[in-house]
């Protein structure tokens, strides 16, 4: 049996996600990606970035799991 390999997270991704909580708010995710809210919504609608909807007080907030953000950023490495 082969030992499971661990993949080291690139430094720039570690730095971008430093201090991020398990669920990122829309403004937090936009700051990490350096994009606007509309582009963030497009990324989630297309399925390129996984998001979850949190329903509180009748409104629906988009939250991005930290793991999803990390996976998306890894995909940008090419």
PDB file of N, CA and C in Angstrom:
ATOM      1  N   UNK A   1       0.829  -1.189   0.000  1.00  0.00           N
ATOM      2  CA  UNK A   1       0.000   0.000   0.000  1.00  0.00           C
ATOM      3  C   UNK A   1       0.869   1.247   0.000  1.00  0.00           C
ATOM      4  N   UNK A   2       0.444   2.245  -0.774  1.00  0.00           N
ATOM      5  CA  UNK A   2       1.178   3.504  -0.817  1.00  0.00           C
ATOM      6  C   UNK A   2       0.746   4.412   0.322  1.00  0.00           C
ATOM      7  N   UNK A   3       1.696   5.105   0.845  1.00  0.00           N
ATOM      8  CA  UNK A   3       1.371   6.091   1.876  1.00  0.00           C
ATOM      9  C   UNK A   3       0.629   7.252   1.218  1.00  0.00           C
ATOM     10  N   UNK A   4      -0.351   7.781   1.926  1.00  0.00           N
ATOM     11  CA  UNK A   4      -1.113   8.898   1.379  1.00  0.00           C
ATOM     12  C   UNK A   4      -0.227  10.136   1.308  1.00  0.00           C
ATOM     13  N   UNK A   5      -0.203  10.746   0.131  1.00  0.00           N
ATOM     14  CA  UNK A   5       0.602  11.952  -0.063  1.00  0.00           C
ATOM     15  C   UNK A   5      -0.175  13.163   0.435  1.00  0.00           C
ATOM     16  N   UNK A   6       0.540  14.076   1.039  1.00  0.00           N
ATOM     17  CA  UNK A   6      -0.086  15.320   1.456  1.00  0.00           C
ATOM     18  C   UNK A   6       0.305  16.402   0.463  1.00  0.00           C
ATOM     19  N   UNK A   7      -0.648  17.232   0.128  1.00  0.00           N
ATOM     20  CA  UNK A   7      -0.408  18.313  -0.815  1.00  0.00           C
ATOM     21  C   UNK A   7      -0.226  19.596  -0.024  1.00  0.00           C
ATOM     22  N   UNK A   8       0.927  20.211  -0.196  1.00  0.00           N
ATOM     23  CA  UNK A   8       1.213  21.455   0.516  1.00  0.00           C
ATOM     24  C   UNK A   8       0.454  22.608  -0.136  1.00  0.00           C
ATOM     25  N   UNK A   9      -0.226  23.371   0.680  1.00  0.00           N
ATOM     26  CA  UNK A   9      -0.929  24.549   0.187  1.00  0.00           C
ATOM     27  C   UNK A   9       0.088  25.630  -0.145  1.00  0.00           C
ATOM     28  N   UNK A  10       0.009  26.189  -1.356  1.00  0.00           N
ATOM     29  CA  UNK A  10       0.941  27.263  -1.726  1.00  0.00           C
ATOM     30  C   UNK A  10       0.863  28.438  -0.754  1.00  0.00           C
ATOM     31  N   UNK A  11       1.984  29.093  -0.560  1.00  0.00           N
ATOM     32  CA  UNK A  11       2.065  30.189   0.401  1.00  0.00           C
ATOM     33  C   UNK A  11       1.068  31.310   0.116  1.00  0.00           C
ATOM     34  N   UNK A  12       0.851  31.624  -1.154  1.00  0.00           N
ATOM     35  CA  UNK A  12      -0.045  32.743  -1.464  1.00  0.00           C
ATOM     36  C   UNK A  12      -1.493  32.410  -1.082  1.00  0.00           C
ATOM     37  N   UNK A  13      -1.871  31.137  -1.157  1.00  0.00           N
ATOM     38  CA  UNK A  13      -3.216  30.757  -0.749  1.00  0.00           C
ATOM     39  C   UNK A  13      -3.321  30.787   0.775  1.00  0.00           C
ATOM     40  N   UNK A  14      -2.309  30.287   1.444  1.00  0.00           N
ATOM     41  CA  UNK A  14      -2.281  30.328   2.904  1.00  0.00           C
ATOM     42  C   UNK A  14      -2.399  31.767   3.391  1.00  0.00           C
ATOM     43  N   UNK A  15      -1.664  32.653   2.760  1.00  0.00           N
ATOM     44  CA  UNK A  15      -1.692  34.071   3.143  1.00  0.00           C
ATOM     45  C   UNK A  15      -3.072  34.689   2.859  1.00  0.00           C
ATOM     46  N   UNK A  16      -3.662  34.359   1.715  1.00  0.00           N
ATOM     47  CA  UNK A  16      -4.967  34.924   1.355  1.00  0.00           C
ATOM     48  C   UNK A  16      -6.054  34.490   2.337  1.00  0.00           C
ATOM     49  N   UNK A  17      -5.927  33.276   2.874  1.00  0.00           N
ATOM     50  CA  UNK A  17      -6.955  32.744   3.776  1.00  0.00           C
ATOM     51  C   UNK A  17      -6.603  32.879   5.257  1.00  0.00           C
ATOM     52  N   UNK A  18      -5.499  33.532   5.547  1.00  0.00           N
ATOM     53  CA  UNK A  18      -5.079  33.699   6.944  1.00  0.00           C
ATOM     54  C   UNK A  18      -6.165  34.411   7.741  1.00  0.00           C
ATOM     55  N   UNK A  19      -6.570  33.798   8.828  1.00  0.00           N
ATOM     56  CA  UNK A  19      -7.569  34.400   9.714  1.00  0.00           C
ATOM     57  C   UNK A  19      -9.004  34.225   9.252  1.00  0.00           C
ATOM     58  N   UNK A  20      -9.212  33.555   8.118  1.00  0.00           N
ATOM     59  CA  UNK A  20     -10.573  33.368   7.604  1.00  0.00           C
ATOM     60  C   UNK A  20     -11.306  32.318   8.434  1.00  0.00           C
ATOM     61  N   UNK A  21     -12.584  32.550   8.636  1.00  0.00           N
ATOM     62  CA  UNK A  21     -13.397  31.597   9.392  1.00  0.00           C
ATOM     63  C   UNK A  21     -13.826  30.443   8.485  1.00  0.00           C
ATOM     64  N   UNK A  22     -14.525  29.476   9.044  1.00  0.00           N
ATOM     65  CA  UNK A  22     -14.963  28.298   8.288  1.00  0.00           C
ATOM     66  C   UNK A  22     -15.966  28.670   7.193  1.00  0.00           C
ATOM     67  N   UNK A  23     -16.760  29.703   7.436  1.00  0.00           N
ATOM     68  CA  UNK A  23     -17.693  30.208   6.440  1.00  0.00           C
ATOM     69  C   UNK A  23     -17.401  31.682   6.191  1.00  0.00           C
ATOM     70  N   UNK A  24     -17.118  32.022   4.948  1.00  0.00           N
ATOM     71  CA  UNK A  24     -16.795  33.402   4.586  1.00  0.00           C
ATOM     72  C   UNK A  24     -18.065  34.139   4.169  1.00  0.00           C
ATOM     73  N   UNK A  25     -18.217  35.362   4.631  1.00  0.00           N
ATOM     74  CA  UNK A  25     -19.331  36.191   4.184  1.00  0.00           C
ATOM     75  C   UNK A  25     -19.035  36.688   2.778  1.00  0.00           C
ATOM     76  N   UNK A  26     -20.035  37.250   2.135  1.00  0.00           N
ATOM     77  CA  UNK A  26     -19.847  37.787   0.789  1.00  0.00           C
ATOM     78  C   UNK A  26     -18.744  38.844   0.754  1.00  0.00           C
ATOM     79  N   UNK A  27     -18.738  39.826   1.665  1.00  0.00           N
ATOM     80  CA  UNK A  27     -17.650  40.818   1.635  1.00  0.00           C
ATOM     81  C   UNK A  27     -16.264  40.196   1.869  1.00  0.00           C
ATOM     82  N   UNK A  28     -16.173  39.200   2.752  1.00  0.00           N
ATOM     83  CA  UNK A  28     -14.889  38.544   3.001  1.00  0.00           C
ATOM     84  C   UNK A  28     -14.404  37.807   1.760  1.00  0.00           C
ATOM     85  N   UNK A  29     -15.312  37.069   1.114  1.00  0.00           N
ATOM     86  CA  UNK A  29     -14.945  36.333  -0.094  1.00  0.00           C
ATOM     87  C   UNK A  29     -14.537  37.291  -1.218  1.00  0.00           C
ATOM     88  N   UNK A  30     -15.261  38.382  -1.354  1.00  0.00           N
ATOM     89  CA  UNK A  30     -14.922  39.382  -2.378  1.00  0.00           C
ATOM     90  C   UNK A  30     -13.548  39.986  -2.120  1.00  0.00           C
ATOM     91  N   UNK A  31     -13.220  40.226  -0.866  1.00  0.00           N
ATOM     92  CA  UNK A  31     -11.912  40.791  -0.528  1.00  0.00           C
ATOM     93  C   UNK A  31     -10.796  39.810  -0.878  1.00  0.00           C
ATOM     94  N   UNK A  32     -10.997  38.526  -0.612  1.00  0.00           N
ATOM     95  CA  UNK A  32      -9.977  37.523  -0.922  1.00  0.00           C
ATOM     96  C   UNK A  32      -9.777  37.429  -2.431  1.00  0.00           C
ATOM     97  N   UNK A  33     -10.880  37.425  -3.176  1.00  0.00           N
ATOM     98  CA  UNK A  33     -10.797  37.289  -4.629  1.00  0.00           C
ATOM     99  C   UNK A  33     -10.535  38.608  -5.342  1.00  0.00           C
ATOM    100  N   UNK A  34     -10.660  39.703  -4.603  1.00  0.00           N
ATOM    101  CA  UNK A  34     -10.513  41.042  -5.179  1.00  0.00           C
ATOM    102  C   UNK A  34     -11.471  41.230  -6.346  1.00  0.00           C
ATOM    103  N   UNK A  35     -12.732  40.878  -6.077  1.00  0.00           N
ATOM    104  CA  UNK A  35     -13.768  41.029  -7.094  1.00  0.00           C
ATOM    105  C   UNK A  35     -14.994  41.647  -6.441  1.00  0.00           C
ATOM    106  N   UNK A  36     -15.953  41.993  -7.256  1.00  0.00           N
ATOM    107  CA  UNK A  36     -17.194  42.555  -6.761  1.00  0.00           C
ATOM    108  C   UNK A  36     -18.207  41.467  -6.431  1.00  0.00           C
ATOM    109  N   UNK A  37     -19.266  41.874  -5.766  1.00  0.00           N
ATOM    110  CA  UNK A  37     -20.317  40.955  -5.358  1.00  0.00           C
ATOM    111  C   UNK A  37     -20.949  40.252  -6.557  1.00  0.00           C
ATOM    112  N   UNK A  38     -21.171  40.981  -7.626  1.00  0.00           N
ATOM    113  CA  UNK A  38     -21.791  40.396  -8.822  1.00  0.00           C
ATOM    114  C   UNK A  38     -20.934  39.259  -9.387  1.00  0.00           C
ATOM    115  N   UNK A  39     -19.612  39.459  -9.460  1.00  0.00           N
ATOM    116  CA  UNK A  39     -18.734  38.400  -9.964  1.00  0.00           C
ATOM    117  C   UNK A  39     -18.719  37.193  -9.027  1.00  0.00           C
ATOM    118  N   UNK A  40     -18.788  37.435  -7.729  1.00  0.00           N
ATOM    119  CA  UNK A  40     -18.846  36.334  -6.770  1.00  0.00           C
ATOM    120  C   UNK A  40     -20.117  35.520  -6.987  1.00  0.00           C
ATOM    121  N   UNK A  41     -21.248  36.189  -7.184  1.00  0.00           N
ATOM    122  CA  UNK A  41     -22.500  35.492  -7.441  1.00  0.00           C
ATOM    123  C   UNK A  41     -22.427  34.697  -8.743  1.00  0.00           C
ATOM    124  N   UNK A  42     -21.774  35.244  -9.747  1.00  0.00           N
ATOM    125  CA  UNK A  42     -21.617  34.524 -11.016  1.00  0.00           C
ATOM    126  C   UNK A  42     -20.777  33.260 -10.833  1.00  0.00           C
ATOM    127  N   UNK A  43     -19.712  33.362 -10.046  1.00  0.00           N
ATOM    128  CA  UNK A  43     -18.870  32.187  -9.794  1.00  0.00           C
ATOM    129  C   UNK A  43     -19.648  31.081  -9.105  1.00  0.00           C
ATOM    130  N   UNK A  44     -20.502  31.451  -8.147  1.00  0.00           N
ATOM    131  CA  UNK A  44     -21.280  30.431  -7.439  1.00  0.00           C
ATOM    132  C   UNK A  44     -22.399  29.891  -8.326  1.00  0.00           C
ATOM    133  N   UNK A  45     -23.027  30.744  -9.115  1.00  0.00           N
ATOM    134  CA  UNK A  45     -24.111  30.293  -9.998  1.00  0.00           C
ATOM    135  C   UNK A  45     -23.600  29.317 -11.053  1.00  0.00           C
ATOM    136  N   UNK A  46     -22.373  29.532 -11.507  1.00  0.00           N
ATOM    137  CA  UNK A  46     -21.791  28.656 -12.531  1.00  0.00           C
ATOM    138  C   UNK A  46     -21.255  27.352 -11.943  1.00  0.00           C
ATOM    139  N   UNK A  47     -21.147  27.305 -10.607  1.00  0.00           N
ATOM    140  CA  UNK A  47     -20.638  26.108  -9.948  1.00  0.00           C
ATOM    141  C   UNK A  47     -19.131  26.074  -9.813  1.00  0.00           C
ATOM    142  N   UNK A  48     -18.441  27.107 -10.273  1.00  0.00           N
ATOM    143  CA  UNK A  48     -16.981  27.150 -10.157  1.00  0.00           C
ATOM    144  C   UNK A  48     -16.542  27.354  -8.715  1.00  0.00           C
ATOM    145  N   UNK A  49     -17.392  27.989  -7.910  1.00  0.00           N
ATOM    146  CA  UNK A  49     -17.129  28.214  -6.490  1.00  0.00           C
ATOM    147  C   UNK A  49     -18.379  27.783  -5.734  1.00  0.00           C
ATOM    148  N   UNK A  50     -18.212  26.906  -4.769  1.00  0.00           N
ATOM    149  CA  UNK A  50     -19.357  26.393  -4.021  1.00  0.00           C
ATOM    150  C   UNK A  50     -19.752  27.375  -2.923  1.00  0.00           C
ATOM    151  N   UNK A  51     -21.033  27.650  -2.841  1.00  0.00           N
ATOM    152  CA  UNK A  51     -21.550  28.522  -1.804  1.00  0.00           C
ATOM    153  C   UNK A  51     -22.775  27.902  -1.165  1.00  0.00           C
ATOM    154  N   UNK A  52     -23.138  28.395  -0.003  1.00  0.00           N
ATOM    155  CA  UNK A  52     -24.348  27.944   0.686  1.00  0.00           C
ATOM    156  C   UNK A  52     -25.183  29.164   1.034  1.00  0.00           C
ATOM    157  N   UNK A  53     -26.472  28.958   1.069  1.00  0.00           N
ATOM    158  CA  UNK A  53     -27.381  30.044   1.434  1.00  0.00           C
ATOM    159  C   UNK A  53     -27.803  29.872   2.886  1.00  0.00           C
ATOM    160  N   UNK A  54     -27.641  30.913   3.669  1.00  0.00           N
ATOM    161  CA  UNK A  54     -28.061  30.920   5.070  1.00  0.00           C
ATOM    162  C   UNK A  54     -29.304  31.795   5.163  1.00  0.00           C
ATOM    163  N   UNK A  55     -30.363  31.214   5.629  1.00  0.00           N
ATOM    164  CA  UNK A  55     -31.627  31.946   5.745  1.00  0.00           C
ATOM    165  C   UNK A  55     -31.795  32.404   7.186  1.00  0.00           C
ATOM    166  N   UNK A  56     -31.736  33.705   7.372  1.00  0.00           N
ATOM    167  CA  UNK A  56     -31.956  34.254   8.706  1.00  0.00           C
ATOM    168  C   UNK A  56     -32.817  35.510   8.601  1.00  0.00           C
ATOM    169  N   UNK A  57     -33.789  35.599   9.430  1.00  0.00           N
ATOM    170  CA  UNK A  57     -34.691  36.757   9.482  1.00  0.00           C
ATOM    171  C   UNK A  57     -35.347  37.048   8.139  1.00  0.00           C
ATOM    172  N   UNK A  58     -35.649  36.012   7.378  1.00  0.00           N
ATOM    173  CA  UNK A  58     -36.338  36.211   6.109  1.00  0.00           C
ATOM    174  C   UNK A  58     -35.439  36.571   4.946  1.00  0.00           C
ATOM    175  N   UNK A  59     -34.161  36.833   5.189  1.00  0.00           N
ATOM    176  CA  UNK A  59     -33.258  37.151   4.083  1.00  0.00           C
ATOM    177  C   UNK A  59     -32.368  35.943   3.806  1.00  0.00           C
ATOM    178  N   UNK A  60     -31.765  35.929   2.651  1.00  0.00           N
ATOM    179  CA  UNK A  60     -30.906  34.823   2.260  1.00  0.00           C
ATOM    180  C   UNK A  60     -29.492  35.369   2.038  1.00  0.00           C
ATOM    181  N   UNK A  61     -28.558  34.875   2.839  1.00  0.00           N
ATOM    182  CA  UNK A  61     -27.169  35.327   2.717  1.00  0.00           C
ATOM    183  C   UNK A  61     -26.336  34.247   2.062  1.00  0.00           C
ATOM    184  N   UNK A  62     -25.439  34.657   1.184  1.00  0.00           N
ATOM    185  CA  UNK A  62     -24.521  33.725   0.548  1.00  0.00           C
ATOM    186  C   UNK A  62     -23.276  33.599   1.421  1.00  0.00           C
ATOM    187  N   UNK A  63     -22.923  32.374   1.770  1.00  0.00           N
ATOM    188  CA  UNK A  63     -21.710  32.101   2.536  1.00  0.00           C
ATOM    189  C   UNK A  63     -20.852  31.131   1.732  1.00  0.00           C
ATOM    190  N   UNK A  64     -19.550  31.328   1.780  1.00  0.00           N
ATOM    191  CA  UNK A  64     -18.612  30.493   1.040  1.00  0.00           C
ATOM    192  C   UNK A  64     -17.793  29.689   2.048  1.00  0.00           C
ATOM    193  N   UNK A  65     -17.874  28.358   1.989  1.00  0.00           N
ATOM    194  CA  UNK A  65     -17.034  27.554   2.875  1.00  0.00           C
ATOM    195  C   UNK A  65     -15.549  27.786   2.581  1.00  0.00           C
ATOM    196  N   UNK A  66     -14.765  27.878   3.622  1.00  0.00           N
ATOM    197  CA  UNK A  66     -13.323  28.113   3.464  1.00  0.00           C
ATOM    198  C   UNK A  66     -12.691  27.049   2.566  1.00  0.00           C
ATOM    199  N   UNK A  67     -13.097  25.793   2.738  1.00  0.00           N
ATOM    200  CA  UNK A  67     -12.543  24.707   1.928  1.00  0.00           C
ATOM    201  C   UNK A  67     -12.863  24.908   0.448  1.00  0.00           C
ATOM    202  N   UNK A  68     -14.047  25.422   0.164  1.00  0.00           N
ATOM    203  CA  UNK A  68     -14.439  25.693  -1.212  1.00  0.00           C
ATOM    204  C   UNK A  68     -13.581  26.813  -1.804  1.00  0.00           C
ATOM    205  N   UNK A  69     -13.340  27.848  -1.012  1.00  0.00           N
ATOM    206  CA  UNK A  69     -12.499  28.954  -1.470  1.00  0.00           C
ATOM    207  C   UNK A  69     -11.081  28.461  -1.748  1.00  0.00           C
ATOM    208  N   UNK A  70     -10.553  27.624  -0.859  1.00  0.00           N
ATOM    209  CA  UNK A  70      -9.205  27.088  -1.056  1.00  0.00           C
ATOM    210  C   UNK A  70      -9.140  26.254  -2.329  1.00  0.00           C
ATOM    211  N   UNK A  71     -10.147  25.423  -2.561  1.00  0.00           N
ATOM    212  CA  UNK A  71     -10.175  24.590  -3.774  1.00  0.00           C
ATOM    213  C   UNK A  71     -10.233  25.459  -5.023  1.00  0.00           C
ATOM    214  N   UNK A  72     -11.030  26.523  -4.979  1.00  0.00           N
ATOM    215  CA  UNK A  72     -11.118  27.427  -6.127  1.00  0.00           C
ATOM    216  C   UNK A  72      -9.765  28.095  -6.390  1.00  0.00           C
ATOM    217  N   UNK A  73      -9.121  28.573  -5.330  1.00  0.00           N
ATOM    218  CA  UNK A  73      -7.827  29.241  -5.500  1.00  0.00           C
ATOM    219  C   UNK A  73      -6.763  28.268  -6.026  1.00  0.00           C
ATOM    220  N   UNK A  74      -6.792  27.019  -5.571  1.00  0.00           N
ATOM    221  CA  UNK A  74      -5.865  26.012  -6.089  1.00  0.00           C
ATOM    222  C   UNK A  74      -6.068  25.824  -7.595  1.00  0.00           C
ATOM    223  N   UNK A  75      -7.322  25.882  -8.037  1.00  0.00           N
ATOM    224  CA  UNK A  75      -7.633  25.738  -9.452  1.00  0.00           C
ATOM    225  C   UNK A  75      -7.101  26.869 -10.296  1.00  0.00           C
ATOM    226  N   UNK A  76      -6.861  28.019  -9.684  1.00  0.00           N
ATOM    227  CA  UNK A  76      -6.327  29.167 -10.419  1.00  0.00           C
ATOM    228  C   UNK A  76      -4.845  29.022 -10.738  1.00  0.00           C
ATOM    229  N   UNK A  77      -4.180  28.107 -10.039  1.00  0.00           N
ATOM    230  CA  UNK A  77      -2.746  27.949 -10.226  1.00  0.00           C
ATOM    231  C   UNK A  77      -2.383  27.463 -11.627  1.00  0.00           C
ATOM    232  N   UNK A  78      -3.299  26.778 -12.250  1.00  0.00           N
ATOM    233  CA  UNK A  78      -3.070  26.328 -13.621  1.00  0.00           C
ATOM    234  C   UNK A  78      -2.249  25.158 -13.681  1.00  0.00           C
TER     235      UNK A  78
END
